[in-house]
Amino acid sequence: MTVGLNLTDRAFALTGGIGTGKSVVAEFFRERGARIIDTDRIAREVVEPGKPALSELTQYFGQEVISPDGTLNREGLRNRIIRDRVLREKLNSIIHPRVKAVMAERISAFSREKDGMPVIVDVPLLYEVGWERLFRDVILAYAPVSIQIRRLMERDKLDRRTAELTIASQMSIDEKRSRAKYIIDNSGTLEHTRVQVERLFDILRKGIIS
């Protein structure tokens, strides 16, 4: 399936940075009835054993990125690309076209439903890969860098330097904030985030059915 501009007027991109809480925001949208597509999950699907993408990764990066059980060794791959832009670009050239095609198919399927619900597509690297124009508008899950670092260290058991390098490999959260239409401040309590999401859900739904 070829992906072009204006894929659907019901599709909104949800983006952010590592540790800004996109999954929390997505879950609150889901609770209100929004249709959710997780491109990180799709990225995991396209590199499952037996899939062409995994074979291509093995050919380029070597057997060290494959775990003993035949699955992708994500930590090993991350360590290879974290300091090397060329390797990151090669990884993206293998994964992103496949993710984009599956994403388009799922957006199309949800858009055929007659319920008028927004389709929220979680795309962590939205701006980095240049997909923002595929969507009606962009929603940003925001948290300051200090919180990103703390969350990433706690979640992935990383030292501070590795967490900082991981965050620095992406576009800055403040640059993303300047480009997004809707901002969800996810630096406070869960209830504060939920209230913002519910308010925005009503705005998006009204825009779809009006």
Protein backbone atom coordinates (compact mmCIF):
# COMPACT_ATOMS: atom_id res chain seq x y z
CA MET A 1 0.00 0.00 0.00
CA THR A 2 1.42 3.37 -0.98
CA VAL A 3 1.29 6.02 1.72
CA GLY A 4 0.57 9.54 0.55
CA LEU A 5 -0.39 12.79 2.15
CA ASN A 6 -3.72 13.20 3.94
CA LEU A 7 -4.04 9.49 4.58
CA THR A 8 -7.16 10.19 6.61
CA ASP A 9 -8.70 13.18 8.35
CA ARG A 10 -9.25 11.00 11.42
CA ALA A 11 -5.58 10.15 12.03
CA PHE A 12 -3.59 12.17 14.56
CA ALA A 13 0.06 11.51 15.33
CA LEU A 14 1.10 11.16 18.96
CA THR A 15 4.79 11.77 19.47
CA GLY A 16 7.26 12.80 22.13
CA GLY A 17 10.66 11.75 23.35
CA ILE A 18 12.00 8.77 25.26
CA GLY A 19 10.52 8.90 28.73
CA THR A 20 7.87 11.54 28.03
CA GLY A 21 5.04 9.09 28.63
CA LYS A 22 3.50 8.56 25.21
CA SER A 23 2.15 5.16 26.22
CA VAL A 24 0.32 6.68 29.20
CA VAL A 25 -1.25 9.32 26.98
CA ALA A 26 -2.21 6.68 24.40
CA GLU A 27 -3.86 4.53 27.07
CA PHE A 28 -5.96 7.45 28.30
CA PHE A 29 -7.09 8.07 24.71
CA ARG A 30 -7.92 4.37 24.39
CA GLU A 31 -10.08 4.53 27.52
CA ARG A 32 -12.19 7.21 25.84
CA GLY A 33 -12.70 5.04 22.76
CA ALA A 34 -10.02 6.35 20.42
CA ARG A 35 -8.44 3.83 18.05
CA ILE A 36 -4.75 3.37 18.87
CA ILE A 37 -1.92 2.28 16.58
CA ASP A 38 1.49 1.73 18.18
CA THR A 39 4.31 1.98 15.64
CA ASP A 40 6.83 0.67 18.18
CA ARG A 41 4.77 -2.51 18.35
CA ILE A 42 4.66 -2.66 14.57
CA ALA A 43 8.45 -2.23 14.50
CA ARG A 44 8.76 -5.27 16.76
CA GLU A 45 6.40 -7.26 14.55
CA VAL A 46 8.35 -6.60 11.34
CA VAL A 47 11.58 -8.00 12.84
CA GLU A 48 10.12 -11.21 14.23
CA PRO A 49 11.99 -14.42 13.33
CA GLY A 50 11.37 -15.38 9.74
CA LYS A 51 10.56 -11.85 8.61
CA PRO A 52 12.65 -10.31 5.79
CA ALA A 53 13.65 -7.33 7.92
CA LEU A 54 15.40 -9.53 10.48
CA SER A 55 17.38 -11.28 7.76
CA GLU A 56 18.41 -7.93 6.33
CA LEU A 57 19.51 -6.67 9.74
CA THR A 58 21.56 -9.82 10.25
CA GLN A 59 23.26 -9.40 6.88
CA TYR A 60 24.25 -5.82 7.63
CA PHE A 61 24.96 -5.81 11.38
CA GLY A 62 26.09 -9.40 11.83
CA GLN A 63 25.02 -12.30 14.02
CA GLU A 64 25.80 -10.37 17.21
CA VAL A 65 22.44 -8.59 16.92
CA ILE A 66 20.63 -11.94 17.07
CA SER A 67 19.85 -13.56 20.44
CA PRO A 68 20.36 -17.31 21.01
CA ASP A 69 16.60 -17.87 20.59
CA GLY A 70 16.69 -16.28 17.13
CA THR A 71 15.04 -13.00 18.07
CA LEU A 72 16.51 -9.53 17.66
CA ASN A 73 18.98 -8.58 20.38
CA ARG A 74 17.69 -5.05 20.92
CA GLU A 75 20.28 -4.10 23.52
CA GLY A 76 23.11 -5.24 21.29
CA LEU A 77 21.68 -3.34 18.34
CA ARG A 78 21.15 -0.21 20.43
CA ASN A 79 24.77 -0.32 21.59
CA ARG A 80 25.89 -0.51 17.96
CA ILE A 81 23.89 2.48 16.73
CA ILE A 82 23.80 4.84 19.71
CA ARG A 83 27.01 6.67 18.73
CA ASP A 84 26.91 6.09 14.97
CA ARG A 85 24.57 8.14 12.81
CA VAL A 86 25.34 6.11 9.67
CA LEU A 87 24.34 2.87 11.39
CA ARG A 88 21.15 4.49 12.72
CA GLU A 89 20.25 5.62 9.24
CA LYS A 90 20.84 2.12 7.87
CA LEU A 91 18.64 0.62 10.58
CA ASN A 92 15.92 3.14 9.80
CA SER A 93 16.12 2.42 6.07
CA ILE A 94 15.38 -1.24 6.80
CA ILE A 95 12.65 -0.80 9.39
CA HIS A 96 10.75 2.39 8.59
CA PRO A 97 9.33 1.55 5.13
CA ARG A 98 7.88 -1.68 6.51
CA VAL A 99 6.44 0.07 9.56
CA LYS A 100 4.94 2.77 7.35
CA ALA A 101 3.17 0.24 5.13
CA VAL A 102 1.61 -1.65 8.07
CA MET A 103 0.65 1.62 9.75
CA ALA A 104 -1.15 2.77 6.61
CA GLU A 105 -3.11 -0.47 6.39
CA ARG A 106 -4.28 -0.19 10.00
CA ILE A 107 -5.23 3.46 9.69
CA SER A 108 -7.24 2.61 6.60
CA ALA A 109 -9.04 -0.21 8.42
CA PHE A 110 -9.97 1.99 11.39
CA SER A 111 -11.06 4.81 9.08
CA ARG A 112 -13.65 2.56 7.46
CA GLU A 113 -15.45 2.29 10.80
CA LYS A 114 -18.45 4.60 11.08
CA ASP A 115 -18.05 5.56 14.73
CA GLY A 116 -16.27 8.87 14.13
CA MET A 117 -13.57 8.03 16.66
CA PRO A 118 -10.13 9.61 16.23
CA VAL A 119 -7.27 7.33 15.26
CA ILE A 120 -4.25 8.06 17.45
CA VAL A 121 -0.98 6.82 15.96
CA ASP A 122 1.94 6.64 18.40
CA VAL A 123 5.02 7.58 16.34
CA PRO A 124 8.06 8.27 18.58
CA LEU A 125 10.31 9.47 15.72
CA LEU A 126 7.61 11.33 13.80
CA TYR A 127 9.68 14.41 12.98
CA GLU A 128 12.95 12.56 12.57
CA VAL A 129 11.47 10.41 9.78
CA GLY A 130 9.41 13.22 8.23
CA TRP A 131 5.97 11.65 8.63
CA GLU A 132 4.18 14.61 10.23
CA ARG A 133 2.42 15.63 7.00
CA LEU A 134 0.71 12.25 6.82
CA PHE A 135 -1.56 13.23 9.70
CA ARG A 136 -4.28 15.74 10.36
CA ASP A 137 -2.42 17.19 13.36
CA VAL A 138 0.31 16.29 15.84
CA ILE A 139 -0.09 15.70 19.58
CA LEU A 140 3.04 15.89 21.74
CA ALA A 141 3.50 14.11 25.07
CA TYR A 142 5.85 16.51 26.82
CA ALA A 143 8.20 16.20 29.78
CA PRO A 144 11.41 18.18 30.39
CA VAL A 145 14.76 16.55 29.70
CA SER A 146 15.54 16.11 33.41
CA ILE A 147 12.44 13.94 33.78
CA GLN A 148 13.21 12.05 30.55
CA ILE A 149 16.64 11.13 31.91
CA ARG A 150 15.30 9.99 35.27
CA ARG A 151 12.51 7.89 33.73
CA LEU A 152 14.84 6.28 31.20
CA MET A 153 17.40 5.39 33.87
CA GLU A 154 14.69 3.82 36.03
CA ARG A 155 12.84 2.03 33.23
CA ASP A 156 15.79 0.61 31.28
CA LYS A 157 18.32 0.41 34.16
CA LEU A 158 20.74 2.69 32.32
CA ASP A 159 23.54 4.80 33.70
CA ARG A 160 23.11 8.55 33.33
CA ARG A 161 25.57 8.92 30.43
CA THR A 162 23.88 6.23 28.34
CA ALA A 163 20.47 7.77 29.04
CA GLU A 164 21.74 11.19 27.95
CA LEU A 165 23.24 9.77 24.75
CA THR A 166 20.01 7.94 23.94
CA ILE A 167 17.95 11.10 24.37
CA ALA A 168 20.49 13.18 22.42
CA SER A 169 20.18 10.82 19.44
CA GLN A 170 16.67 12.18 18.86
CA MET A 171 15.37 15.64 18.04
CA SER A 172 15.11 17.72 21.21
CA ILE A 173 11.78 17.66 23.01
CA ASP A 174 11.64 21.47 22.93
CA GLU A 175 12.02 21.48 19.14
CA LYS A 176 9.19 18.96 18.89
CA ARG A 177 7.10 21.11 21.21
CA SER A 178 7.51 24.11 18.93
CA ARG A 179 6.17 22.10 15.97
CA ALA A 180 3.24 20.19 17.49
CA LYS A 181 -0.30 21.57 17.49
CA TYR A 182 -1.45 19.98 20.76
CA ILE A 183 0.68 19.60 23.89
CA ILE A 184 -0.02 17.16 26.73
CA ASP A 185 2.17 18.09 29.71
CA ASN A 186 3.06 14.72 31.19
CA SER A 187 5.49 15.95 33.84
CA GLY A 188 2.96 15.96 36.68
CA THR A 189 0.49 13.50 38.13
CA LEU A 190 -1.39 10.88 36.15
CA GLU A 191 -4.65 12.64 36.96
CA HIS A 192 -3.31 15.89 35.52
CA THR A 193 -2.39 14.05 32.33
CA ARG A 194 -5.77 12.30 32.18
CA VAL A 195 -7.68 15.58 32.43
CA GLN A 196 -5.68 17.04 29.53
CA VAL A 197 -6.22 13.95 27.38
CA GLU A 198 -9.97 13.87 28.03
CA ARG A 199 -10.28 17.54 27.14
CA LEU A 200 -8.31 17.05 23.92
CA PHE A 201 -10.26 13.90 23.01
CA ASP A 202 -13.48 15.93 23.07
CA ILE A 203 -11.90 18.56 20.81
CA LEU A 204 -10.69 15.97 18.30
CA ARG A 205 -13.97 14.07 18.26
CA LYS A 206 -15.95 17.25 17.73
CA GLY A 207 -13.70 18.19 14.81
CA ILE A 208 -14.25 14.80 13.16
CA ILE A 209 -18.03 14.63 13.41
CA SER A 210 -18.79 18.31 12.78
